[in-house]
Amino acid sequence: MKLVIGRDDLARAAVGATGAERLAVKPVHKASKSFVNDQAVDLAELAIVTLLQAVAHGKPVVLLPVTALGRFQHQTLVTIGALTVADIEGRRAGVRSWSQTTGVWMRGFLAEQYGVDLRAVDWVTYEGAHVEEARDPEFVTRAPAGAKLQDDFLAGRLDFGIMGNELPADDRIRTAIPGAYEAAAEWSRATGFAPVNHVLGVTEQAAREHSAAVCAAYDAMREVIAARPRGDAPVDLHPVGFAALRGPVARAAAYALDQGVLPRPVEYGELVEASCAALGVPAARLGG
């Protein structure tokens, strides 16, 4: 088997349990397109929304319920100057890709918590989705070829930006949501889960042909995550198992459908059933 996992500790565990070959791809999301469209590797770390889009468009990949990246997201909406989240309607806001999971979470918060009409925002994207068939909604504008989100934001051509790891270093930048980290912690306390970003995906073929190895990789990665200090977050930022991931994945799917990211609803039970059918195991084997 071949795998792409960004986190070294999880990758070492999976390789040690299976003997799989780890491919070096950095940043890890650059492997997502070939994984979902061509099944270029057998097991890959990918964003939740990429997995949901892949399933919605009939790609032969299934969920392995391990969180590779979990974090709060409210702080990812940023601005320069005196604007706040209350000013976003009628303003220009940029995000790397409409399907980017960070953007899906943040727009979900805007609509659900802050009453923002997402269609009243002038959205600008800079890339397409990893899934070839996916398209941006008609109310979203694609930036000219060669334009960069960070450059447009710092130059004032955007009033707001949604950026996680891509956030540039500039002392002028501040979060648009007052007390963003506190707001994020409160959201997680209220829902009982964190807005997870990255999970693991497996091709249907690899799941069928290497079920024992895939399950061994799951066990090894679960042990690594369980051994890490929990920290002071109000919820588990790295849930493992079908039961633990139900909340964040189902909420991300609902947000994505509402935002035109998905062409059809993707129910969490559908994901569980597909994984179990491909692997030939009951849901309880993977924390169901």
C-alpha atoms as a PDB file:
ATOM      1  CA  MET A   1       0.000   0.000   0.000  1.00  0.00           C
ATOM      2  CA  LYS A   2       0.936   3.630  -0.509  1.00  0.00           C
ATOM      3  CA  LEU A   3      -0.125   6.399   1.845  1.00  0.00           C
ATOM      4  CA  VAL A   4       0.109  10.164   2.289  1.00  0.00           C
ATOM      5  CA  ILE A   5      -0.242  11.458   5.844  1.00  0.00           C
ATOM      6  CA  GLY A   6       0.984  14.886   6.879  1.00  0.00           C
ATOM      7  CA  ARG A   7       1.482  14.212  10.572  1.00  0.00           C
ATOM      8  CA  ASP A   8       4.735  12.378  11.180  1.00  0.00           C
ATOM      9  CA  ASP A   9       3.532  10.576  14.312  1.00  0.00           C
ATOM     10  CA  LEU A  10       0.451   9.180  12.579  1.00  0.00           C
ATOM     11  CA  ALA A  11       2.401   8.302   9.461  1.00  0.00           C
ATOM     12  CA  ARG A  12       5.041   6.413  11.453  1.00  0.00           C
ATOM     13  CA  ALA A  13       2.330   4.490  13.265  1.00  0.00           C
ATOM     14  CA  ALA A  14       0.504   3.549  10.070  1.00  0.00           C
ATOM     15  CA  VAL A  15       3.700   2.522   8.286  1.00  0.00           C
ATOM     16  CA  GLY A  16       4.883   0.539  11.284  1.00  0.00           C
ATOM     17  CA  ALA A  17       1.599  -1.353  11.485  1.00  0.00           C
ATOM     18  CA  THR A  18       1.286  -2.089   7.776  1.00  0.00           C
ATOM     19  CA  GLY A  19       4.657  -1.812   6.071  1.00  0.00           C
ATOM     20  CA  ALA A  20       3.089   0.664   3.660  1.00  0.00           C
ATOM     21  CA  GLU A  21       5.162   3.124   1.653  1.00  0.00           C
ATOM     22  CA  ARG A  22       4.804   6.744   2.756  1.00  0.00           C
ATOM     23  CA  LEU A  23       4.955   9.315  -0.031  1.00  0.00           C
ATOM     24  CA  ALA A  24       6.323  12.737   0.910  1.00  0.00           C
ATOM     25  CA  VAL A  25       3.816  15.396  -0.160  1.00  0.00           C
ATOM     26  CA  LYS A  26       3.899  18.832   1.479  1.00  0.00           C
ATOM     27  CA  PRO A  27       1.562  20.468   2.169  1.00  0.00           C
ATOM     28  CA  VAL A  28      -0.488  17.320   2.467  1.00  0.00           C
ATOM     29  CA  HIS A  29      -3.585  18.747   0.720  1.00  0.00           C
ATOM     30  CA  LYS A  30      -1.643  18.698  -2.569  1.00  0.00           C
ATOM     31  CA  ALA A  31      -2.167  14.921  -2.669  1.00  0.00           C
ATOM     32  CA  SER A  32      -5.954  15.197  -2.342  1.00  0.00           C
ATOM     33  CA  LYS A  33      -6.741  15.824  -6.015  1.00  0.00           C
ATOM     34  CA  SER A  34      -4.935  12.727  -7.285  1.00  0.00           C
ATOM     35  CA  PHE A  35      -6.317  10.641  -4.416  1.00  0.00           C
ATOM     36  CA  VAL A  36     -10.001  11.440  -4.948  1.00  0.00           C
ATOM     37  CA  ASN A  37      -9.938  11.610  -8.748  1.00  0.00           C
ATOM     38  CA  ASP A  38      -7.423   8.908  -9.652  1.00  0.00           C
ATOM     39  CA  GLN A  39      -6.952   6.898  -6.440  1.00  0.00           C
ATOM     40  CA  ALA A  40      -3.211   7.497  -6.847  1.00  0.00           C
ATOM     41  CA  VAL A  41      -2.530   6.309  -3.280  1.00  0.00           C
ATOM     42  CA  ASP A  42      -4.357   3.837  -1.094  1.00  0.00           C
ATOM     43  CA  LEU A  43      -4.730   5.842   2.121  1.00  0.00           C
ATOM     44  CA  ALA A  44      -4.585   9.616   2.437  1.00  0.00           C
ATOM     45  CA  GLU A  45      -5.072  12.426   4.895  1.00  0.00           C
ATOM     46  CA  LEU A  46      -7.618  14.820   3.439  1.00  0.00           C
ATOM     47  CA  ALA A  47     -10.041  17.519   4.460  1.00  0.00           C
ATOM     48  CA  ILE A  48     -13.530  16.512   5.566  1.00  0.00           C
ATOM     49  CA  VAL A  49     -15.200  18.533   2.817  1.00  0.00           C
ATOM     50  CA  THR A  50     -12.985  16.982   0.134  1.00  0.00           C
ATOM     51  CA  LEU A  51     -14.097  13.551   1.316  1.00  0.00           C
ATOM     52  CA  LEU A  52     -17.747  14.632   1.349  1.00  0.00           C
ATOM     53  CA  GLN A  53     -17.486  16.059  -2.166  1.00  0.00           C
ATOM     54  CA  ALA A  54     -15.786  12.897  -3.383  1.00  0.00           C
ATOM     55  CA  VAL A  55     -18.592  10.729  -2.007  1.00  0.00           C
ATOM     56  CA  ALA A  56     -21.272  13.042  -3.376  1.00  0.00           C
ATOM     57  CA  HIS A  57     -19.710  12.819  -6.845  1.00  0.00           C
ATOM     58  CA  GLY A  58     -19.383   9.032  -6.747  1.00  0.00           C
ATOM     59  CA  LYS A  59     -15.635   8.691  -6.226  1.00  0.00           C
ATOM     60  CA  PRO A  60     -14.581   5.237  -4.906  1.00  0.00           C
ATOM     61  CA  VAL A  61     -13.157   6.407  -1.571  1.00  0.00           C
ATOM     62  CA  VAL A  62     -14.364   5.789   1.980  1.00  0.00           C
ATOM     63  CA  LEU A  63     -13.844   7.300   5.419  1.00  0.00           C
ATOM     64  CA  LEU A  64     -11.345   5.896   7.915  1.00  0.00           C
ATOM     65  CA  PRO A  65     -12.516   7.650  11.110  1.00  0.00           C
ATOM     66  CA  VAL A  66      -9.269   9.142  12.407  1.00  0.00           C
ATOM     67  CA  THR A  67      -8.798  12.884  12.911  1.00  0.00           C
ATOM     68  CA  ALA A  68      -5.438  14.048  11.597  1.00  0.00           C
ATOM     69  CA  LEU A  69      -6.120  17.754  12.170  1.00  0.00           C
ATOM     70  CA  GLY A  70      -8.615  19.326  14.550  1.00  0.00           C
ATOM     71  CA  ARG A  71      -8.657  22.957  15.616  1.00  0.00           C
ATOM     72  CA  PHE A  72     -10.924  25.879  16.426  1.00  0.00           C
ATOM     73  CA  GLN A  73     -11.933  27.941  13.376  1.00  0.00           C
ATOM     74  CA  HIS A  74     -13.594  31.187  14.494  1.00  0.00           C
ATOM     75  CA  GLN A  75     -10.254  33.013  14.392  1.00  0.00           C
ATOM     76  CA  THR A  76      -9.773  32.303  10.683  1.00  0.00           C
ATOM     77  CA  LEU A  77     -12.010  35.203   9.588  1.00  0.00           C
ATOM     78  CA  VAL A  78      -9.626  38.155   9.571  1.00  0.00           C
ATOM     79  CA  THR A  79      -9.654  41.808   8.559  1.00  0.00           C
ATOM     80  CA  ILE A  80      -7.528  44.945   8.641  1.00  0.00           C
ATOM     81  CA  GLY A  81      -8.923  48.098  10.180  1.00  0.00           C
ATOM     82  CA  ALA A  82     -12.116  48.734  12.122  1.00  0.00           C
ATOM     83  CA  LEU A  83     -14.430  46.229  10.436  1.00  0.00           C
ATOM     84  CA  THR A  84     -15.991  43.358  12.393  1.00  0.00           C
ATOM     85  CA  VAL A  85     -18.106  40.354  11.512  1.00  0.00           C
ATOM     86  CA  ALA A  86     -21.164  42.616  11.743  1.00  0.00           C
ATOM     87  CA  ASP A  87     -19.944  44.467   8.637  1.00  0.00           C
ATOM     88  CA  ILE A  88     -19.354  41.545   6.298  1.00  0.00           C
ATOM     89  CA  GLU A  89     -22.593  41.733   4.282  1.00  0.00           C
ATOM     90  CA  GLY A  90     -22.017  43.888   1.227  1.00  0.00           C
ATOM     91  CA  ARG A  91     -18.251  43.592   1.610  1.00  0.00           C
ATOM     92  CA  ARG A  92     -15.629  41.668  -0.352  1.00  0.00           C
ATOM     93  CA  ALA A  93     -14.321  38.489   1.313  1.00  0.00           C
ATOM     94  CA  GLY A  94     -11.725  36.075  -0.008  1.00  0.00           C
ATOM     95  CA  VAL A  95     -11.130  32.380   0.594  1.00  0.00           C
ATOM     96  CA  ARG A  96      -8.635  30.077  -1.117  1.00  0.00           C
ATOM     97  CA  SER A  97     -11.291  27.707  -2.412  1.00  0.00           C
ATOM     98  CA  TRP A  98     -15.059  27.588  -1.956  1.00  0.00           C
ATOM     99  CA  SER A  99     -14.705  23.937  -0.942  1.00  0.00           C
ATOM    100  CA  GLN A 100     -11.888  24.569   1.551  1.00  0.00           C
ATOM    101  CA  THR A 101     -12.982  23.015   4.837  1.00  0.00           C
ATOM    102  CA  THR A 102     -11.891  26.009   6.918  1.00  0.00           C
ATOM    103  CA  GLY A 103     -14.083  28.222   4.752  1.00  0.00           C
ATOM    104  CA  VAL A 104     -17.065  25.881   5.000  1.00  0.00           C
ATOM    105  CA  TRP A 105     -16.834  25.887   8.799  1.00  0.00           C
ATOM    106  CA  MET A 106     -16.386  29.658   9.001  1.00  0.00           C
ATOM    107  CA  ARG A 107     -19.294  30.428   6.652  1.00  0.00           C
ATOM    108  CA  GLY A 108     -21.419  27.998   8.647  1.00  0.00           C
ATOM    109  CA  PHE A 109     -20.680  29.978  11.802  1.00  0.00           C
ATOM    110  CA  LEU A 110     -21.447  33.244  10.007  1.00  0.00           C
ATOM    111  CA  ALA A 111     -24.878  32.040   8.953  1.00  0.00           C
ATOM    112  CA  GLU A 112     -25.767  30.066  12.086  1.00  0.00           C
ATOM    113  CA  GLN A 113     -24.348  32.233  14.859  1.00  0.00           C
ATOM    114  CA  TYR A 114     -24.141  35.718  13.397  1.00  0.00           C
ATOM    115  CA  GLY A 115     -27.174  35.787  11.096  1.00  0.00           C
ATOM    116  CA  VAL A 116     -25.153  36.564   7.968  1.00  0.00           C
ATOM    117  CA  ASP A 117     -26.848  36.134   4.588  1.00  0.00           C
ATOM    118  CA  LEU A 118     -23.988  34.406   2.766  1.00  0.00           C
ATOM    119  CA  ARG A 119     -25.342  35.514  -0.614  1.00  0.00           C
ATOM    120  CA  ALA A 120     -25.088  39.129   0.506  1.00  0.00           C
ATOM    121  CA  VAL A 121     -21.295  38.846   0.741  1.00  0.00           C
ATOM    122  CA  ASP A 122     -19.091  39.457  -2.319  1.00  0.00           C
ATOM    123  CA  TRP A 123     -17.112  36.196  -2.194  1.00  0.00           C
ATOM    124  CA  VAL A 124     -13.882  35.741  -4.141  1.00  0.00           C
ATOM    125  CA  THR A 125     -12.101  32.387  -4.576  1.00  0.00           C
ATOM    126  CA  TYR A 126      -8.615  31.665  -5.909  1.00  0.00           C
ATOM    127  CA  GLU A 127      -8.683  27.926  -6.655  1.00  0.00           C
ATOM    128  CA  GLY A 128     -11.152  25.267  -7.678  1.00  0.00           C
ATOM    129  CA  ALA A 129     -12.064  22.173  -5.688  1.00  0.00           C
ATOM    130  CA  HIS A 130      -9.954  19.016  -5.474  1.00  0.00           C
ATOM    131  CA  VAL A 131     -12.870  17.001  -6.898  1.00  0.00           C
ATOM    132  CA  GLU A 132     -12.880  17.579 -10.656  1.00  0.00           C
ATOM    133  CA  GLU A 133     -16.653  17.754 -11.078  1.00  0.00           C
ATOM    134  CA  ALA A 134     -17.242  20.326  -8.327  1.00  0.00           C
ATOM    135  CA  ARG A 135     -18.100  23.912  -9.286  1.00  0.00           C
ATOM    136  CA  ASP A 136     -18.465  27.160  -7.328  1.00  0.00           C
ATOM    137  CA  PRO A 137     -22.009  28.544  -6.871  1.00  0.00           C
ATOM    138  CA  GLU A 138     -23.084  31.310  -9.255  1.00  0.00           C
ATOM    139  CA  PHE A 139     -22.844  33.972  -6.520  1.00  0.00           C
ATOM    140  CA  VAL A 140     -19.091  33.343  -6.063  1.00  0.00           C
ATOM    141  CA  THR A 141     -16.450  35.146  -8.188  1.00  0.00           C
ATOM    142  CA  ARG A 142     -13.133  33.566  -9.211  1.00  0.00           C
ATOM    143  CA  ALA A 143     -10.147  35.878  -8.932  1.00  0.00           C
ATOM    144  CA  PRO A 144      -8.109  36.539 -12.099  1.00  0.00           C
ATOM    145  CA  ALA A 145      -5.456  33.974 -12.952  1.00  0.00           C
ATOM    146  CA  GLY A 146      -2.284  34.595 -10.996  1.00  0.00           C
ATOM    147  CA  ALA A 147      -3.970  36.586  -8.220  1.00  0.00           C
ATOM    148  CA  LYS A 148      -3.154  35.575  -4.649  1.00  0.00           C
ATOM    149  CA  LEU A 149      -5.461  35.734  -1.653  1.00  0.00           C
ATOM    150  CA  GLN A 150      -2.804  37.054   0.706  1.00  0.00           C
ATOM    151  CA  ASP A 151      -1.696  39.792  -1.710  1.00  0.00           C
ATOM    152  CA  ASP A 152      -5.246  41.004  -2.365  1.00  0.00           C
ATOM    153  CA  PHE A 153      -6.025  40.996   1.340  1.00  0.00           C
ATOM    154  CA  LEU A 154      -2.931  42.919   2.420  1.00  0.00           C
ATOM    155  CA  ALA A 155      -3.381  45.428  -0.410  1.00  0.00           C
ATOM    156  CA  GLY A 156      -6.946  46.205   0.670  1.00  0.00           C
ATOM    157  CA  ARG A 157      -8.631  44.673  -2.360  1.00  0.00           C
ATOM    158  CA  LEU A 158     -10.472  42.407   0.087  1.00  0.00           C
ATOM    159  CA  ASP A 159     -12.221  43.578   3.244  1.00  0.00           C
ATOM    160  CA  PHE A 160     -12.112  40.133   4.862  1.00  0.00           C
ATOM    161  CA  GLY A 161     -10.208  36.914   4.360  1.00  0.00           C
ATOM    162  CA  ILE A 162     -10.708  33.359   5.605  1.00  0.00           C
ATOM    163  CA  MET A 163      -7.245  31.965   6.230  1.00  0.00           C
ATOM    164  CA  GLY A 164      -5.912  29.245   8.483  1.00  0.00           C
ATOM    165  CA  ASN A 165      -2.363  28.080   7.823  1.00  0.00           C
ATOM    166  CA  GLU A 166      -2.088  30.573   4.936  1.00  0.00           C
ATOM    167  CA  LEU A 167      -2.379  33.624   7.201  1.00  0.00           C
ATOM    168  CA  PRO A 168       0.469  36.034   6.426  1.00  0.00           C
ATOM    169  CA  ALA A 169       2.531  37.634   9.165  1.00  0.00           C
ATOM    170  CA  ASP A 170       1.404  41.256   9.459  1.00  0.00           C
ATOM    171  CA  ASP A 171       0.737  43.199  12.639  1.00  0.00           C
ATOM    172  CA  ARG A 172      -2.257  44.932  11.054  1.00  0.00           C
ATOM    173  CA  ILE A 173      -4.266  41.707  10.820  1.00  0.00           C
ATOM    174  CA  ARG A 174      -6.837  40.939  13.490  1.00  0.00           C
ATOM    175  CA  THR A 175      -9.727  38.556  13.912  1.00  0.00           C
ATOM    176  CA  ALA A 176     -13.097  39.864  12.721  1.00  0.00           C
ATOM    177  CA  ILE A 177     -14.988  38.061  15.494  1.00  0.00           C
ATOM    178  CA  PRO A 178     -14.394  39.700  18.881  1.00  0.00           C
ATOM    179  CA  GLY A 179     -12.967  37.170  21.335  1.00  0.00           C
ATOM    180  CA  ALA A 180     -12.670  34.609  18.538  1.00  0.00           C
ATOM    181  CA  TYR A 181     -11.003  31.864  20.574  1.00  0.00           C
ATOM    182  CA  GLU A 182     -13.522  32.240  23.386  1.00  0.00           C
ATOM    183  CA  ALA A 183     -16.360  32.155  20.846  1.00  0.00           C
ATOM    184  CA  ALA A 184     -14.900  28.999  19.321  1.00  0.00           C
ATOM    185  CA  ALA A 185     -14.566  27.300  22.701  1.00  0.00           C
ATOM    186  CA  GLU A 186     -18.145  28.202  23.576  1.00  0.00           C
ATOM    187  CA  TRP A 187     -19.410  26.821  20.251  1.00  0.00           C
ATOM    188  CA  SER A 188     -17.623  23.539  20.921  1.00  0.00           C
ATOM    189  CA  ARG A 189     -18.952  23.363  24.470  1.00  0.00           C
ATOM    190  CA  ALA A 190     -22.487  23.882  23.157  1.00  0.00           C
ATOM    191  CA  THR A 191     -22.226  21.321  20.340  1.00  0.00           C
ATOM    192  CA  GLY A 192     -20.030  18.808  22.148  1.00  0.00           C
ATOM    193  CA  PHE A 193     -17.439  18.573  19.375  1.00  0.00           C
ATOM    194  CA  ALA A 194     -14.705  20.504  17.597  1.00  0.00           C
ATOM    195  CA  PRO A 195     -14.831  21.645  13.951  1.00  0.00           C
ATOM    196  CA  VAL A 196     -12.511  18.929  12.660  1.00  0.00           C
ATOM    197  CA  ASN A 197     -10.513  19.668   9.508  1.00  0.00           C
ATOM    198  CA  HIS A 198      -8.608  16.575   8.314  1.00  0.00           C
ATOM    199  CA  VAL A 199      -9.523  12.899   8.485  1.00  0.00           C
ATOM    200  CA  LEU A 200      -8.257   9.778   6.708  1.00  0.00           C
ATOM    201  CA  GLY A 201      -9.628   8.367   3.487  1.00  0.00           C
ATOM    202  CA  VAL A 202      -9.106   4.967   1.877  1.00  0.00           C
ATOM    203  CA  THR A 203      -9.800   3.837  -1.668  1.00  0.00           C
ATOM    204  CA  GLU A 204     -12.537   1.239  -1.943  1.00  0.00           C
ATOM    205  CA  GLN A 205     -10.120  -1.101  -3.696  1.00  0.00           C
ATOM    206  CA  ALA A 206      -7.526  -0.865  -0.925  1.00  0.00           C
ATOM    207  CA  ALA A 207     -10.216  -1.300   1.714  1.00  0.00           C
ATOM    208  CA  ARG A 208     -11.417  -4.506   0.047  1.00  0.00           C
ATOM    209  CA  GLU A 209      -7.988  -5.949  -0.756  1.00  0.00           C
ATOM    210  CA  HIS A 210      -6.122  -4.866   2.384  1.00  0.00           C
ATOM    211  CA  SER A 211      -8.813  -4.725   5.048  1.00  0.00           C
ATOM    212  CA  ALA A 212      -6.631  -6.177   7.805  1.00  0.00           C
ATOM    213  CA  ALA A 213      -3.825  -3.701   7.073  1.00  0.00           C
ATOM    214  CA  VAL A 214      -6.192  -0.714   6.973  1.00  0.00           C
ATOM    215  CA  CYS A 215      -7.715  -1.746  10.306  1.00  0.00           C
ATOM    216  CA  ALA A 216      -4.217  -2.192  11.753  1.00  0.00           C
ATOM    217  CA  ALA A 217      -3.334   1.331  10.602  1.00  0.00           C
ATOM    218  CA  TYR A 218      -6.497   2.602  12.299  1.00  0.00           C
ATOM    219  CA  ASP A 219      -5.548   0.861  15.563  1.00  0.00           C
ATOM    220  CA  ALA A 220      -2.003   2.219  15.488  1.00  0.00           C
ATOM    221  CA  MET A 221      -3.084   5.800  14.794  1.00  0.00           C
ATOM    222  CA  ARG A 222      -5.786   5.594  17.442  1.00  0.00           C
ATOM    223  CA  GLU A 223      -3.169   4.600  20.026  1.00  0.00           C
ATOM    224  CA  VAL A 224      -0.932   7.530  19.075  1.00  0.00           C
ATOM    225  CA  ILE A 225      -3.761  10.022  19.424  1.00  0.00           C
ATOM    226  CA  ALA A 226      -4.956   8.511  22.694  1.00  0.00           C
ATOM    227  CA  ALA A 227      -1.467   8.896  24.156  1.00  0.00           C
ATOM    228  CA  ARG A 228      -1.262  12.621  23.406  1.00  0.00           C
ATOM    229  CA  PRO A 229      -2.064  15.141  26.163  1.00  0.00           C
ATOM    230  CA  ARG A 230      -5.656  16.352  25.881  1.00  0.00           C
ATOM    231  CA  GLY A 231      -4.849  19.978  26.709  1.00  0.00           C
ATOM    232  CA  ASP A 232      -7.377  22.482  28.008  1.00  0.00           C
ATOM    233  CA  ALA A 233      -9.810  22.442  25.065  1.00  0.00           C
ATOM    234  CA  PRO A 234     -13.435  21.893  26.157  1.00  0.00           C
ATOM    235  CA  VAL A 235     -13.805  18.997  23.694  1.00  0.00           C
ATOM    236  CA  ASP A 236     -11.551  16.438  22.044  1.00  0.00           C
ATOM    237  CA  LEU A 237      -9.789  18.105  19.088  1.00  0.00           C
ATOM    238  CA  HIS A 238      -8.752  14.735  17.628  1.00  0.00           C
ATOM    239  CA  PRO A 239     -11.722  12.359  17.841  1.00  0.00           C
ATOM    240  CA  VAL A 240     -11.274   8.810  16.583  1.00  0.00           C
ATOM    241  CA  GLY A 241     -13.974   6.310  15.640  1.00  0.00           C
ATOM    242  CA  PHE A 242     -17.319   6.495  13.876  1.00  0.00           C
ATOM    243  CA  ALA A 243     -19.244   7.512  16.971  1.00  0.00           C
ATOM    244  CA  ALA A 244     -16.828  10.293  17.902  1.00  0.00           C
ATOM    245  CA  LEU A 245     -16.742  11.771  14.392  1.00  0.00           C
ATOM    246  CA  ARG A 246     -20.495  11.752  13.795  1.00  0.00           C
ATOM    247  CA  GLY A 247     -21.068  15.254  15.181  1.00  0.00           C
ATOM    248  CA  PRO A 248     -18.395  17.186  13.271  1.00  0.00           C
ATOM    249  CA  VAL A 249     -18.749  15.318   9.980  1.00  0.00           C
ATOM    250  CA  ALA A 250     -22.546  15.583   9.957  1.00  0.00           C
ATOM    251  CA  ARG A 251     -22.414  19.305  10.773  1.00  0.00           C
ATOM    252  CA  ALA A 252     -19.780  19.940   8.092  1.00  0.00           C
ATOM    253  CA  ALA A 253     -21.959  18.070   5.581  1.00  0.00           C
ATOM    254  CA  ALA A 254     -24.981  20.203   6.486  1.00  0.00           C
ATOM    255  CA  TYR A 255     -22.996  23.433   6.154  1.00  0.00           C
ATOM    256  CA  ALA A 256     -21.501  22.301   2.825  1.00  0.00           C
ATOM    257  CA  LEU A 257     -24.904  21.425   1.379  1.00  0.00           C
ATOM    258  CA  ASP A 258     -26.366  24.768   2.455  1.00  0.00           C
ATOM    259  CA  GLN A 259     -23.453  26.618   0.832  1.00  0.00           C
ATOM    260  CA  GLY A 260     -23.680  24.841  -2.523  1.00  0.00           C
ATOM    261  CA  VAL A 261     -20.470  22.903  -1.925  1.00  0.00           C
ATOM    262  CA  LEU A 262     -22.238  19.528  -2.268  1.00  0.00           C
ATOM    263  CA  PRO A 263     -24.556  18.568  -5.146  1.00  0.00           C
ATOM    264  CA  ARG A 264     -26.648  16.345  -2.852  1.00  0.00           C
ATOM    265  CA  PRO A 265     -26.989  15.536   0.850  1.00  0.00           C
ATOM    266  CA  VAL A 266     -24.392  13.139   2.237  1.00  0.00           C
ATOM    267  CA  GLU A 267     -25.676  11.441   5.372  1.00  0.00           C
ATOM    268  CA  TYR A 268     -23.224  10.228   7.979  1.00  0.00           C
ATOM    269  CA  GLY A 269     -24.823   6.784   7.994  1.00  0.00           C
ATOM    270  CA  GLU A 270     -24.015   6.533   4.287  1.00  0.00           C
ATOM    271  CA  LEU A 271     -20.331   7.085   5.029  1.00  0.00           C
ATOM    272  CA  VAL A 272     -20.290   4.475   7.795  1.00  0.00           C
ATOM    273  CA  GLU A 273     -22.088   1.887   5.691  1.00  0.00           C
ATOM    274  CA  ALA A 274     -19.753   2.399   2.729  1.00  0.00           C
ATOM    275  CA  SER A 275     -16.649   2.063   4.897  1.00  0.00           C
ATOM    276  CA  CYS A 276     -17.903  -1.071   6.625  1.00  0.00           C
ATOM    277  CA  ALA A 277     -18.998  -2.655   3.359  1.00  0.00           C
ATOM    278  CA  ALA A 278     -15.625  -2.014   1.700  1.00  0.00           C
ATOM    279  CA  LEU A 279     -13.630  -3.211   4.708  1.00  0.00           C
ATOM    280  CA  GLY A 280     -15.931  -6.115   5.492  1.00  0.00           C
ATOM    281  CA  VAL A 281     -16.162  -5.186   9.189  1.00  0.00           C
ATOM    282  CA  PRO A 282     -18.958  -4.061  11.530  1.00  0.00           C
ATOM    283  CA  ALA A 283     -19.072  -0.422  12.604  1.00  0.00           C
ATOM    284  CA  ALA A 284     -18.002  -1.446  16.127  1.00  0.00           C
ATOM    285  CA  ARG A 285     -14.593  -2.467  14.730  1.00  0.00           C
ATOM    286  CA  LEU A 286     -13.912   1.201  13.991  1.00  0.00           C
ATOM    287  CA  GLY A 287     -15.423   2.825  17.042  1.00  0.00           C
ATOM    288  CA  GLY A 288     -19.055   2.683  15.896  1.00  0.00           C
END
